[in-house]
Each structure stands twice: as C-alpha cells, then as structure tokens.
Amino acid sequence: MFKIGDRVQHQTTGITGKVIGYGYRQVNDRYYKTTIKVELLSYFPIKPIAEDLADRWIRQDAKILTLSLPKLKLLSH
C-alpha cells in the first residue's frame, strides 16, 4: 500500500504524481476496492487530482545520482 506523500506512476499511461489520499470504489454489492488520490505532476499553478484503483499505480523510486570524485592527494606544508 502507498503512504501519503509517496511518488507514484500509472502503469499504463506513465503519468506521475504524489499520493494525497485514499478512497474506495464499489465493485458489487459486497466488494470494494481501494483507490488512491494522486496530485498529478503539472507545471501550471492548478494541480489536477486523479482518483484511481491503487493496483494500477506503482511506486516511483527516487533515483539519487552519485558522482565519483577522484581521490585527492594531500600535500603537507
């Protein structure tokens, strides 16, 4: 399950966003499925929000780039 604040990506469309809430969708009289509310990535001041079944989304892991610096030679004075 996702936590509030997780970055997620839709498996079909590739759209990304941030989880901001939860809900449910009734499938039949006795069965409900969990939904998540996602604030979609947007470059506009208004942020669109989507509610969709949670199993259609995957966690988008933050990839941290690391640089390998050369070893410095210490000089004594």
N, C-alpha and C. Protein backbone atom coordinates (compact mmCIF):
# COMPACT_ATOMS: atom_id res chain seq x y z
N MET A 1 0.84 -1.18 0.00
CA MET A 1 0.00 0.00 0.00
C MET A 1 0.88 1.24 0.00
N PHE A 2 0.39 2.27 -0.59
CA PHE A 2 1.13 3.52 -0.66
C PHE A 2 0.87 4.37 0.58
N LYS A 3 1.84 5.21 0.90
CA LYS A 3 1.70 6.15 2.01
C LYS A 3 1.46 7.54 1.43
N ILE A 4 0.84 8.39 2.22
CA ILE A 4 0.67 9.78 1.81
C ILE A 4 2.05 10.37 1.54
N GLY A 5 2.20 11.04 0.42
CA GLY A 5 3.48 11.64 0.05
C GLY A 5 4.32 10.80 -0.89
N ASP A 6 3.98 9.51 -1.07
CA ASP A 6 4.73 8.65 -2.00
C ASP A 6 4.59 9.18 -3.42
N ARG A 7 5.68 9.10 -4.18
CA ARG A 7 5.65 9.42 -5.60
C ARG A 7 5.23 8.15 -6.32
N VAL A 8 4.25 8.26 -7.23
CA VAL A 8 3.73 7.09 -7.92
C VAL A 8 3.65 7.35 -9.42
N GLN A 9 3.58 6.25 -10.17
CA GLN A 9 3.48 6.34 -11.63
C GLN A 9 2.39 5.37 -12.09
N HIS A 10 1.54 5.83 -13.00
CA HIS A 10 0.47 4.98 -13.54
C HIS A 10 1.11 3.95 -14.47
N GLN A 11 0.74 2.68 -14.31
CA GLN A 11 1.38 1.61 -15.07
C GLN A 11 1.08 1.68 -16.56
N THR A 12 -0.08 2.19 -16.95
CA THR A 12 -0.46 2.22 -18.37
C THR A 12 -0.04 3.52 -19.05
N THR A 13 -0.34 4.65 -18.42
CA THR A 13 -0.10 5.95 -19.08
C THR A 13 1.27 6.54 -18.79
N GLY A 14 1.89 6.13 -17.68
CA GLY A 14 3.19 6.69 -17.30
C GLY A 14 3.09 8.02 -16.58
N ILE A 15 1.87 8.51 -16.35
CA ILE A 15 1.66 9.77 -15.63
C ILE A 15 2.17 9.62 -14.20
N THR A 16 2.82 10.66 -13.69
CA THR A 16 3.35 10.59 -12.33
C THR A 16 2.67 11.62 -11.43
N GLY A 17 2.78 11.38 -10.13
CA GLY A 17 2.20 12.30 -9.17
C GLY A 17 2.53 11.89 -7.75
N LYS A 18 1.84 12.53 -6.80
CA LYS A 18 2.09 12.30 -5.37
C LYS A 18 0.77 11.88 -4.71
N VAL A 19 0.83 10.83 -3.89
CA VAL A 19 -0.36 10.35 -3.19
C VAL A 19 -0.77 11.37 -2.13
N ILE A 20 -2.06 11.77 -2.18
CA ILE A 20 -2.55 12.75 -1.21
C ILE A 20 -3.74 12.24 -0.41
N GLY A 21 -4.22 11.02 -0.74
CA GLY A 21 -5.37 10.50 0.00
C GLY A 21 -5.79 9.13 -0.50
N TYR A 22 -6.83 8.60 0.15
CA TYR A 22 -7.35 7.28 -0.16
C TYR A 22 -8.86 7.34 -0.35
N GLY A 23 -9.40 6.31 -0.97
CA GLY A 23 -10.84 6.19 -1.14
C GLY A 23 -11.17 4.75 -1.43
N TYR A 24 -12.35 4.53 -2.00
CA TYR A 24 -12.75 3.18 -2.38
C TYR A 24 -13.71 3.26 -3.55
N ARG A 25 -13.80 2.18 -4.29
CA ARG A 25 -14.74 2.06 -5.40
C ARG A 25 -15.53 0.78 -5.21
N GLN A 26 -16.84 0.88 -5.26
CA GLN A 26 -17.69 -0.28 -5.08
C GLN A 26 -17.73 -1.08 -6.38
N VAL A 27 -17.36 -2.35 -6.30
CA VAL A 27 -17.34 -3.22 -7.47
C VAL A 27 -18.68 -3.94 -7.62
N ASN A 28 -19.22 -4.44 -6.51
CA ASN A 28 -20.56 -5.03 -6.49
C ASN A 28 -21.15 -4.81 -5.09
N ASP A 29 -22.24 -5.48 -4.77
CA ASP A 29 -22.93 -5.24 -3.50
C ASP A 29 -22.05 -5.46 -2.27
N ARG A 30 -21.10 -6.38 -2.35
CA ARG A 30 -20.31 -6.74 -1.17
C ARG A 30 -18.81 -6.52 -1.33
N TYR A 31 -18.39 -5.97 -2.42
CA TYR A 31 -16.96 -5.90 -2.69
C TYR A 31 -16.53 -4.48 -3.03
N TYR A 32 -15.52 -4.00 -2.34
CA TYR A 32 -14.95 -2.66 -2.57
C TYR A 32 -13.47 -2.80 -2.88
N LYS A 33 -12.95 -1.92 -3.71
CA LYS A 33 -11.51 -1.88 -3.99
C LYS A 33 -10.96 -0.53 -3.55
N THR A 34 -9.74 -0.54 -3.05
CA THR A 34 -9.09 0.66 -2.58
C THR A 34 -8.65 1.54 -3.75
N THR A 35 -8.88 2.84 -3.60
CA THR A 35 -8.39 3.80 -4.58
C THR A 35 -7.39 4.73 -3.89
N ILE A 36 -6.57 5.37 -4.69
CA ILE A 36 -5.69 6.42 -4.17
C ILE A 36 -6.02 7.71 -4.90
N LYS A 37 -5.82 8.80 -4.19
CA LYS A 37 -5.99 10.13 -4.79
C LYS A 37 -4.59 10.67 -5.04
N VAL A 38 -4.34 11.03 -6.28
CA VAL A 38 -2.99 11.43 -6.71
C VAL A 38 -3.02 12.84 -7.26
N GLU A 39 -2.16 13.68 -6.70
CA GLU A 39 -1.95 15.02 -7.26
C GLU A 39 -0.96 14.85 -8.41
N LEU A 40 -1.45 15.08 -9.63
CA LEU A 40 -0.64 14.83 -10.82
C LEU A 40 0.41 15.90 -11.01
N LEU A 41 1.55 15.48 -11.56
CA LEU A 41 2.63 16.42 -11.84
C LEU A 41 2.16 17.40 -12.90
N SER A 42 2.28 18.69 -12.61
CA SER A 42 1.83 19.72 -13.54
C SER A 42 2.74 20.94 -13.39
N TYR A 43 2.94 21.62 -14.49
CA TYR A 43 3.75 22.84 -14.46
C TYR A 43 2.89 24.09 -14.36
N PHE A 44 1.61 23.90 -14.14
CA PHE A 44 0.68 25.00 -14.01
C PHE A 44 0.34 25.21 -12.54
N PRO A 45 -0.14 26.40 -12.16
CA PRO A 45 -0.48 26.65 -10.76
C PRO A 45 -1.57 25.72 -10.21
N ILE A 46 -2.51 25.31 -11.08
CA ILE A 46 -3.57 24.41 -10.64
C ILE A 46 -3.08 22.98 -10.84
N LYS A 47 -3.11 22.19 -9.76
CA LYS A 47 -2.65 20.80 -9.80
C LYS A 47 -3.84 19.87 -9.97
N PRO A 48 -3.93 19.14 -11.08
CA PRO A 48 -5.04 18.20 -11.24
C PRO A 48 -4.91 17.03 -10.28
N ILE A 49 -6.06 16.51 -9.85
CA ILE A 49 -6.08 15.37 -8.92
C ILE A 49 -6.86 14.25 -9.59
N ALA A 50 -6.31 13.03 -9.52
CA ALA A 50 -6.97 11.85 -10.07
C ALA A 50 -7.23 10.86 -8.95
N GLU A 51 -8.36 10.16 -9.03
CA GLU A 51 -8.63 9.06 -8.11
C GLU A 51 -8.77 7.81 -8.96
N ASP A 52 -7.98 6.79 -8.65
CA ASP A 52 -7.95 5.59 -9.46
C ASP A 52 -7.66 4.40 -8.55
N LEU A 53 -7.89 3.19 -9.07
CA LEU A 53 -7.60 1.99 -8.31
C LEU A 53 -6.11 1.93 -7.98
N ALA A 54 -5.82 1.58 -6.75
CA ALA A 54 -4.43 1.57 -6.27
C ALA A 54 -3.57 0.58 -7.04
N ASP A 55 -4.17 -0.54 -7.48
CA ASP A 55 -3.35 -1.56 -8.16
C ASP A 55 -2.95 -1.16 -9.58
N ARG A 56 -3.39 -0.01 -10.04
CA ARG A 56 -2.98 0.50 -11.36
C ARG A 56 -1.75 1.40 -11.28
N TRP A 57 -1.26 1.63 -10.07
CA TRP A 57 -0.12 2.52 -9.85
C TRP A 57 1.04 1.76 -9.24
N ILE A 58 2.24 2.23 -9.50
CA ILE A 58 3.45 1.68 -8.88
C ILE A 58 4.22 2.81 -8.21
N ARG A 59 4.98 2.45 -7.20
CA ARG A 59 5.80 3.44 -6.50
C ARG A 59 6.94 3.86 -7.43
N GLN A 60 7.15 5.15 -7.49
CA GLN A 60 8.22 5.69 -8.32
C GLN A 60 9.39 5.96 -7.39
N ASP A 61 10.39 5.10 -7.45
CA ASP A 61 11.54 5.25 -6.57
C ASP A 61 12.36 6.45 -7.00
N ALA A 62 12.75 7.23 -6.01
CA ALA A 62 13.61 8.38 -6.29
C ALA A 62 15.01 7.86 -6.59
N LYS A 63 15.51 8.23 -7.73
CA LYS A 63 16.84 7.79 -8.11
C LYS A 63 17.83 8.88 -7.75
N ILE A 64 18.77 8.54 -6.93
CA ILE A 64 19.77 9.51 -6.49
C ILE A 64 21.03 9.30 -7.30
N LEU A 65 21.44 10.34 -7.97
CA LEU A 65 22.66 10.26 -8.76
C LEU A 65 23.85 10.57 -7.87
N THR A 66 24.84 9.74 -7.96
CA THR A 66 26.06 9.99 -7.19
C THR A 66 27.22 10.14 -8.16
N LEU A 67 28.09 11.04 -7.85
CA LEU A 67 29.26 11.26 -8.68
C LEU A 67 30.48 10.68 -7.99
N SER A 68 31.32 10.09 -8.77
CA SER A 68 32.55 9.54 -8.23
C SER A 68 33.66 10.58 -8.44
N LEU A 69 34.14 11.12 -7.36
CA LEU A 69 35.20 12.11 -7.44
C LEU A 69 36.55 11.44 -7.33
N PRO A 70 37.54 11.97 -8.03
CA PRO A 70 38.87 11.38 -7.92
C PRO A 70 39.42 11.62 -6.52
N LYS A 71 40.27 10.71 -6.07
CA LYS A 71 40.89 10.87 -4.75
C LYS A 71 41.90 12.01 -4.83
N LEU A 72 41.84 12.83 -3.80
CA LEU A 72 42.76 13.97 -3.76
C LEU A 72 44.01 13.60 -2.98
N LYS A 73 45.11 14.07 -3.47
CA LYS A 73 46.38 13.83 -2.78
C LYS A 73 46.61 14.96 -1.79
N LEU A 74 46.79 14.63 -0.54
CA LEU A 74 47.01 15.66 0.48
C LEU A 74 48.47 16.08 0.47
N LEU A 75 48.66 17.37 0.48
CA LEU A 75 50.01 17.92 0.48
C LEU A 75 50.32 18.44 1.87
N SER A 76 51.49 18.10 2.38
CA SER A 76 51.87 18.62 3.68
C SER A 76 52.70 19.89 3.49
N HIS A 77 52.54 20.82 4.40
CA HIS A 77 53.23 22.10 4.28
C HIS A 77 54.57 22.04 4.92
